[in-house]
Protein backbone atom coordinates (compact mmCIF):
# COMPACT_ATOMS: atom_id res chain seq x y z
CA UNK A 1 -156.55 23.85 92.05
CA UNK A 2 -159.38 21.11 91.49
CA UNK A 3 -158.28 20.15 88.23
CA UNK A 4 -161.74 19.45 87.08
CA UNK A 5 -163.11 23.48 88.08
CA UNK A 6 -162.67 25.16 85.08
CA UNK A 7 -163.50 28.56 86.48
CA UNK A 8 -160.65 27.83 89.11
CA UNK A 9 -158.18 27.66 85.71
CA UNK A 10 -160.07 30.79 84.40
CA UNK A 11 -159.16 32.46 87.24
CA UNK A 12 -156.05 31.52 87.83
CA UNK A 13 -155.33 32.61 83.57
CA UNK A 14 -156.54 36.04 84.22
CA UNK A 15 -154.16 36.66 87.85
CA UNK A 16 -151.32 35.52 85.74
CA UNK A 17 -152.54 37.45 82.43
CA UNK A 18 -152.21 41.05 84.69
CA UNK A 19 -149.00 39.91 86.15
CA UNK A 20 -147.16 39.34 82.60
CA UNK A 21 -146.96 35.68 82.16
CA UNK A 22 -148.95 35.28 79.40
CA UNK A 23 -147.61 31.53 78.35
CA UNK A 24 -148.87 30.19 81.80
CA UNK A 25 -152.40 32.06 81.78
CA UNK A 26 -153.13 30.75 78.06
CA UNK A 27 -151.67 27.30 79.49
CA UNK A 28 -154.56 27.97 82.71
CA UNK A 29 -157.40 29.07 79.19
CA UNK A 30 -156.59 25.98 77.34
CA UNK A 31 -157.84 23.66 80.53
CA UNK A 32 -160.65 26.08 80.91
CA UNK A 33 -161.66 24.84 77.49
CA UNK A 34 -160.29 21.42 77.67
CA UNK A 35 -163.12 21.35 80.47
CA UNK A 36 -166.00 23.46 79.15
CA UNK A 37 -165.13 24.25 75.23
CA UNK A 38 -168.39 26.45 75.75
CA UNK A 39 -167.29 28.99 77.59
CA UNK A 40 -166.60 32.23 75.28
CA UNK A 41 -165.02 34.17 77.72
CA UNK A 42 -162.28 31.30 78.07
CA UNK A 43 -161.13 32.00 73.94
CA UNK A 44 -161.49 35.62 74.52
CA UNK A 45 -159.34 35.92 77.24
CA UNK A 46 -156.59 33.26 75.27
CA UNK A 47 -157.24 35.96 72.23
CA UNK A 48 -155.58 38.65 74.46
CA UNK A 49 -152.85 36.58 76.00
CA UNK A 50 -151.74 35.90 72.57
CA UNK A 51 -152.08 39.25 71.25
CA UNK A 52 -149.47 40.37 74.28
CA UNK A 53 -147.06 37.66 72.26
CA UNK A 54 -147.66 38.77 69.11
CA UNK A 55 -149.48 36.09 68.10
CA UNK A 56 -152.11 37.66 66.28
CA UNK A 57 -153.46 34.78 63.81
CA UNK A 58 -153.96 32.10 66.64
CA UNK A 59 -155.80 35.46 68.47
CA UNK A 60 -157.77 36.18 65.62
CA UNK A 61 -159.70 32.22 65.55
CA UNK A 62 -159.72 32.53 69.22
CA UNK A 63 -162.09 35.60 68.62
CA UNK A 64 -163.98 33.85 66.07
CA UNK A 65 -164.81 31.24 68.46
CA UNK A 66 -166.02 33.65 71.16
CA UNK A 67 -168.28 34.40 68.63
CA UNK A 68 -169.41 31.56 67.43
CA UNK A 69 -170.19 30.67 70.28
CA UNK A 70 -171.41 34.06 71.72
CA UNK A 71 -171.96 35.95 68.73
CA UNK A 72 -173.72 38.97 72.03
CA UNK A 73 -169.89 39.29 73.37
CA UNK A 74 -169.04 42.77 72.32
CA UNK A 75 -165.58 42.32 73.68
CA UNK A 76 -165.12 39.99 70.97
CA UNK A 77 -165.68 41.76 68.14
CA UNK A 78 -164.31 44.86 69.60
CA UNK A 79 -160.79 43.05 69.94
CA UNK A 80 -160.81 41.57 66.58
CA UNK A 81 -161.48 44.54 64.85
CA UNK A 82 -158.48 46.76 66.73
């Protein structure tokens, strides 16, 4: 894994999340955010993983950041409202 490739970390996080490894997925999303703090989908995906762990306040903060970065992202509004 290229340590500077934010897409690789994002994709690894997606795979980890899909396999139920939420803490590891969050770590990948955090690395993605470190490398590219403007990538709204990293916050969106992190919010979904946080939801699975019952960490709802942190989840909402991720969706708020997603909306701040990309007000046109409908998934952030949907996820925040459920």
